[in-house]
PDB file of N, CA and C in Angstrom:
ATOM      1  N   MET A   1     -16.284   3.128  -5.697  1.00  0.00           N
ATOM      2  CA  MET A   1     -14.851   3.060  -5.631  1.00  0.00           C
ATOM      3  C   MET A   1     -14.779   4.555  -5.049  1.00  0.00           C
ATOM      4  N   LYS A   2     -13.586   4.436  -4.007  1.00  0.00           N
ATOM      5  CA  LYS A   2     -13.377   5.599  -3.304  1.00  0.00           C
ATOM      6  C   LYS A   2     -12.123   6.673  -4.513  1.00  0.00           C
ATOM      7  N   ASP A   3     -12.082   7.870  -4.314  1.00  0.00           N
ATOM      8  CA  ASP A   3     -11.035   8.551  -5.099  1.00  0.00           C
ATOM      9  C   ASP A   3      -9.827   8.294  -3.904  1.00  0.00           C
ATOM     10  N   SER A   4      -8.361   8.231  -5.088  1.00  0.00           N
ATOM     11  CA  SER A   4      -7.221   8.171  -4.531  1.00  0.00           C
ATOM     12  C   SER A   4      -7.061   9.699  -3.465  1.00  0.00           C
ATOM     13  N   VAL A   5      -6.541   9.475  -2.410  1.00  0.00           N
ATOM     14  CA  VAL A   5      -5.833  10.769  -1.555  1.00  0.00           C
ATOM     15  C   VAL A   5      -4.836  11.451  -1.962  1.00  0.00           C
ATOM     16  N   TYR A   6      -3.856  10.633  -2.782  1.00  0.00           N
ATOM     17  CA  TYR A   6      -2.545  10.869  -3.377  1.00  0.00           C
ATOM     18  C   TYR A   6      -2.641  11.293  -4.644  1.00  0.00           C
ATOM     19  N   LYS A   7      -1.996  12.400  -5.284  1.00  0.00           N
ATOM     20  CA  LYS A   7      -2.223  12.737  -6.681  1.00  0.00           C
ATOM     21  C   LYS A   7      -1.112  12.695  -7.330  1.00  0.00           C
ATOM     22  N   SER A   8      -0.139  12.451  -6.755  1.00  0.00           N
ATOM     23  CA  SER A   8       1.241  12.238  -7.513  1.00  0.00           C
ATOM     24  C   SER A   8       2.214  11.294  -6.508  1.00  0.00           C
ATOM     25  N   TYR A   9       3.243  10.633  -7.369  1.00  0.00           N
ATOM     26  CA  TYR A   9       4.340   9.920  -6.801  1.00  0.00           C
ATOM     27  C   TYR A   9       5.050  10.399  -5.631  1.00  0.00           C
ATOM     28  N   ASP A  10       5.386  11.851  -5.841  1.00  0.00           N
ATOM     29  CA  ASP A  10       6.377  12.457  -4.920  1.00  0.00           C
ATOM     30  C   ASP A  10       5.470  12.347  -3.638  1.00  0.00           C
ATOM     31  N   GLU A  11       4.070  12.395  -3.391  1.00  0.00           N
ATOM     32  CA  GLU A  11       3.228  12.490  -2.118  1.00  0.00           C
ATOM     33  C   GLU A  11       3.301  11.399  -1.462  1.00  0.00           C
ATOM     34  N   LEU A  12       3.383  10.075  -2.031  1.00  0.00           N
ATOM     35  CA  LEU A  12       3.680   8.714  -1.304  1.00  0.00           C
ATOM     36  C   LEU A  12       4.877   8.857  -0.507  1.00  0.00           C
ATOM     37  N   PRO A  13       4.780   8.088   0.963  1.00  0.00           N
ATOM     38  CA  PRO A  13       5.845   8.054   1.878  1.00  0.00           C
ATOM     39  C   PRO A  13       6.525   6.976   1.299  1.00  0.00           C
ATOM     40  N   LEU A  14       7.868   6.707   1.967  1.00  0.00           N
ATOM     41  CA  LEU A  14       8.788   5.772   1.098  1.00  0.00           C
ATOM     42  C   LEU A  14       8.303   4.359   1.262  1.00  0.00           C
ATOM     43  N   PHE A  15       7.371   4.039   2.673  1.00  0.00           N
ATOM     44  CA  PHE A  15       7.321   2.694   2.771  1.00  0.00           C
ATOM     45  C   PHE A  15       5.349   2.950   2.920  1.00  0.00           C
ATOM     46  N   LEU A  16       4.665   2.052   2.341  1.00  0.00           N
ATOM     47  CA  LEU A  16       3.284   1.932   2.488  1.00  0.00           C
ATOM     48  C   LEU A  16       2.637   0.727   3.161  1.00  0.00           C
ATOM     49  N   ASN A  17       2.030   1.434   4.208  1.00  0.00           N
ATOM     50  CA  ASN A  17       1.504   0.264   4.868  1.00  0.00           C
ATOM     51  C   ASN A  17       0.040  -0.107   4.082  1.00  0.00           C
ATOM     52  N   ALA A  18      -0.768  -0.950   4.602  1.00  0.00           N
ATOM     53  CA  ALA A  18      -2.144  -1.430   4.142  1.00  0.00           C
ATOM     54  C   ALA A  18      -2.887  -0.337   4.039  1.00  0.00           C
ATOM     55  N   LYS A  19      -3.395   0.612   4.999  1.00  0.00           N
ATOM     56  CA  LYS A  19      -4.063   1.685   4.940  1.00  0.00           C
ATOM     57  C   LYS A  19      -3.799   2.712   3.813  1.00  0.00           C
ATOM     58  N   THR A  20      -2.622   2.884   3.729  1.00  0.00           N
ATOM     59  CA  THR A  20      -2.249   3.957   2.435  1.00  0.00           C
ATOM     60  C   THR A  20      -1.878   3.177   1.491  1.00  0.00           C
ATOM     61  N   VAL A  21      -2.023   1.890   0.957  1.00  0.00           N
ATOM     62  CA  VAL A  21      -2.156   1.024  -0.209  1.00  0.00           C
ATOM     63  C   VAL A  21      -3.558   1.496  -0.509  1.00  0.00           C
ATOM     64  N   ALA A  22      -4.376   0.905   0.113  1.00  0.00           N
ATOM     65  CA  ALA A  22      -5.940   0.992   0.240  1.00  0.00           C
ATOM     66  C   ALA A  22      -6.335   2.636  -0.261  1.00  0.00           C
ATOM     67  N   ARG A  23      -5.868   3.293   0.279  1.00  0.00           N
ATOM     68  CA  ARG A  23      -5.746   5.005  -0.066  1.00  0.00           C
ATOM     69  C   ARG A  23      -5.516   5.179  -1.594  1.00  0.00           C
ATOM     70  N   VAL A  24      -4.549   4.779  -2.114  1.00  0.00           N
ATOM     71  CA  VAL A  24      -3.728   4.849  -2.996  1.00  0.00           C
ATOM     72  C   VAL A  24      -4.694   4.366  -3.987  1.00  0.00           C
ATOM     73  N   LEU A  25      -4.998   3.318  -3.879  1.00  0.00           N
ATOM     74  CA  LEU A  25      -5.757   2.264  -5.041  1.00  0.00           C
ATOM     75  C   LEU A  25      -7.554   2.709  -5.009  1.00  0.00           C
ATOM     76  N   GLY A  26      -7.678   3.222  -3.834  1.00  0.00           N
ATOM     77  CA  GLY A  26      -9.191   3.806  -3.879  1.00  0.00           C
ATOM     78  C   GLY A  26      -9.787   2.691  -3.413  1.00  0.00           C
ATOM     79  N   ILE A  27      -9.489   1.649  -2.871  1.00  0.00           N
ATOM     80  CA  ILE A  27     -10.138   0.560  -2.115  1.00  0.00           C
ATOM     81  C   ILE A  27     -10.561   0.648  -0.533  1.00  0.00           C
ATOM     82  N   SER A  28     -11.172  -0.687  -0.057  1.00  0.00           N
ATOM     83  CA  SER A  28     -11.489  -0.522   1.329  1.00  0.00           C
ATOM     84  C   SER A  28     -10.374  -0.924   1.772  1.00  0.00           C
ATOM     85  N   PRO A  29     -10.168  -0.221   3.253  1.00  0.00           N
ATOM     86  CA  PRO A  29      -8.970  -0.830   4.140  1.00  0.00           C
ATOM     87  C   PRO A  29      -8.685  -2.526   4.266  1.00  0.00           C
ATOM     88  N   SER A  30      -9.978  -2.806   4.271  1.00  0.00           N
ATOM     89  CA  SER A  30      -9.606  -4.631   4.512  1.00  0.00           C
ATOM     90  C   SER A  30      -9.334  -4.701   2.870  1.00  0.00           C
ATOM     91  N   GLY A  31      -9.739  -4.591   1.794  1.00  0.00           N
ATOM     92  CA  GLY A  31      -9.102  -4.718   0.179  1.00  0.00           C
ATOM     93  C   GLY A  31      -7.401  -4.562   0.592  1.00  0.00           C
ATOM     94  N   GLY A  32      -7.021  -3.357   1.174  1.00  0.00           N
ATOM     95  CA  GLY A  32      -5.409  -3.266   1.073  1.00  0.00           C
ATOM     96  C   GLY A  32      -4.946  -4.306   1.986  1.00  0.00           C
ATOM     97  N   TYR A  33      -5.647  -4.996   2.927  1.00  0.00           N
ATOM     98  CA  TYR A  33      -4.513  -5.854   3.831  1.00  0.00           C
ATOM     99  C   TYR A  33      -4.619  -6.903   3.376  1.00  0.00           C
ATOM    100  N   GLU A  34      -6.001  -7.493   2.392  1.00  0.00           N
ATOM    101  CA  GLU A  34      -6.053  -8.656   1.599  1.00  0.00           C
ATOM    102  C   GLU A  34      -4.997  -8.691   0.529  1.00  0.00           C
ATOM    103  N   LEU A  35      -4.788  -7.738  -0.332  1.00  0.00           N
ATOM    104  CA  LEU A  35      -3.846  -7.506  -1.325  1.00  0.00           C
ATOM    105  C   LEU A  35      -2.260  -7.453  -0.621  1.00  0.00           C
ATOM    106  N   MET A  36      -2.151  -6.959   0.431  1.00  0.00           N
ATOM    107  CA  MET A  36      -0.794  -6.976   1.024  1.00  0.00           C
ATOM    108  C   MET A  36      -0.048  -8.527   1.491  1.00  0.00           C
ATOM    109  N   HIS A  37      -1.335  -9.365   1.898  1.00  0.00           N
ATOM    110  CA  HIS A  37      -1.260 -10.743   1.959  1.00  0.00           C
ATOM    111  C   HIS A  37      -0.928 -11.686   0.751  1.00  0.00           C
ATOM    112  N   GLN A  38      -1.304 -11.165  -0.585  1.00  0.00           N
ATOM    113  CA  GLN A  38      -1.117 -12.139  -1.489  1.00  0.00           C
ATOM    114  C   GLN A  38       0.426 -12.479  -1.483  1.00  0.00           C
ATOM    115  N   GLN A  39       0.632 -13.577  -2.048  1.00  0.00           N
ATOM    116  CA  GLN A  39       2.148 -14.002  -2.102  1.00  0.00           C
ATOM    117  C   GLN A  39       2.897 -13.432  -2.820  1.00  0.00           C
ATOM    118  N   ASP A  40       2.300 -12.827  -3.902  1.00  0.00           N
ATOM    119  CA  ASP A  40       3.368 -12.229  -5.205  1.00  0.00           C
ATOM    120  C   ASP A  40       3.081 -10.636  -4.922  1.00  0.00           C
ATOM    121  N   PHE A  41       2.635 -10.485  -4.007  1.00  0.00           N
ATOM    122  CA  PHE A  41       2.639  -8.413  -3.666  1.00  0.00           C
ATOM    123  C   PHE A  41       4.134  -8.128  -3.206  1.00  0.00           C
ATOM    124  N   PRO A  42       4.725  -7.234  -3.606  1.00  0.00           N
ATOM    125  CA  PRO A  42       6.143  -6.813  -3.231  1.00  0.00           C
ATOM    126  C   PRO A  42       6.257  -6.028  -1.731  1.00  0.00           C
ATOM    127  N   THR A  43       5.959  -7.225  -0.701  1.00  0.00           N
ATOM    128  CA  THR A  43       6.253  -6.573   0.799  1.00  0.00           C
ATOM    129  C   THR A  43       7.404  -6.815   1.177  1.00  0.00           C
ATOM    130  N   LEU A  44       7.356  -6.137   2.326  1.00  0.00           N
ATOM    131  CA  LEU A  44       8.822  -6.362   3.412  1.00  0.00           C
ATOM    132  C   LEU A  44       8.058  -6.398   4.829  1.00  0.00           C
ATOM    133  N   LYS A  45       8.589  -7.648   5.526  1.00  0.00           N
ATOM    134  CA  LYS A  45       8.335  -7.422   6.734  1.00  0.00           C
ATOM    135  C   LYS A  45       9.141  -6.681   7.900  1.00  0.00           C
ATOM    136  N   ILE A  46       8.846  -5.890   8.652  1.00  0.00           N
ATOM    137  CA  ILE A  46       9.763  -5.242   9.137  1.00  0.00           C
ATOM    138  C   ILE A  46       9.432  -5.292  10.725  1.00  0.00           C
ATOM    139  N   GLY A  47       9.725  -6.097  11.500  1.00  0.00           N
ATOM    140  CA  GLY A  47       9.336  -6.923  12.936  1.00  0.00           C
ATOM    141  C   GLY A  47       7.789  -7.328  12.818  1.00  0.00           C
ATOM    142  N   ASN A  48       6.823  -6.839  13.383  1.00  0.00           N
ATOM    143  CA  ASN A  48       5.706  -7.039  13.018  1.00  0.00           C
ATOM    144  C   ASN A  48       4.845  -6.488  11.859  1.00  0.00           C
ATOM    145  N   ARG A  49       5.524  -5.233  11.533  1.00  0.00           N
ATOM    146  CA  ARG A  49       4.885  -4.570  10.081  1.00  0.00           C
ATOM    147  C   ARG A  49       5.009  -5.370   8.723  1.00  0.00           C
ATOM    148  N   ILE A  50       4.170  -4.934   8.195  1.00  0.00           N
ATOM    149  CA  ILE A  50       4.008  -5.539   6.735  1.00  0.00           C
ATOM    150  C   ILE A  50       4.232  -4.050   5.909  1.00  0.00           C
ATOM    151  N   VAL A  51       4.785  -3.930   4.874  1.00  0.00           N
ATOM    152  CA  VAL A  51       5.017  -2.575   4.167  1.00  0.00           C
ATOM    153  C   VAL A  51       5.113  -2.649   2.828  1.00  0.00           C
ATOM    154  N   VAL A  52       5.130  -1.660   2.146  1.00  0.00           N
ATOM    155  CA  VAL A  52       5.747  -2.029   0.682  1.00  0.00           C
ATOM    156  C   VAL A  52       6.399  -0.736   0.309  1.00  0.00           C
ATOM    157  N   PRO A  53       7.794  -1.104  -0.315  1.00  0.00           N
ATOM    158  CA  PRO A  53       8.448   0.001  -0.613  1.00  0.00           C
ATOM    159  C   PRO A  53       7.848   0.757  -1.819  1.00  0.00           C
ATOM    160  N   LYS A  54       7.809   2.313  -1.720  1.00  0.00           N
ATOM    161  CA  LYS A  54       7.374   3.217  -2.527  1.00  0.00           C
ATOM    162  C   LYS A  54       7.814   2.606  -3.954  1.00  0.00           C
ATOM    163  N   GLU A  55       9.201   2.427  -4.578  1.00  0.00           N
ATOM    164  CA  GLU A  55       9.543   1.841  -5.764  1.00  0.00           C
ATOM    165  C   GLU A  55       8.789   0.514  -6.132  1.00  0.00           C
ATOM    166  N   ARG A  56       8.380  -0.166  -5.365  1.00  0.00           N
ATOM    167  CA  ARG A  56       8.178  -1.530  -5.510  1.00  0.00           C
ATOM    168  C   ARG A  56       6.675  -1.185  -5.878  1.00  0.00           C
ATOM    169  N   PHE A  57       5.954  -0.760  -5.161  1.00  0.00           N
ATOM    170  CA  PHE A  57       4.501  -0.689  -5.544  1.00  0.00           C
ATOM    171  C   PHE A  57       4.123   0.189  -6.876  1.00  0.00           C
ATOM    172  N   VAL A  58       4.979   1.112  -7.176  1.00  0.00           N
ATOM    173  CA  VAL A  58       4.534   1.730  -8.091  1.00  0.00           C
ATOM    174  C   VAL A  58       5.153   1.106  -9.433  1.00  0.00           C
TER     175      VAL A  58
END
C-alpha cells in the first residue's frame, strides 16, 4: 500500500478526480478509477469529468 500524499483535510482540493482519490487512499490509480465508477460512490459528472466533492468524500 502506498502512503497518502495528503496529511490533512485542508490540503484536499474542493473536487477530487480519480487520481487524487487514489493518492488520498494510498491505492493504485486504476483502483481510484474503479472506485469512482461504483454506483454508490458519491460522484458528480461535470461534462465528461467525474469528480467527488471533498465534503462527500470525507
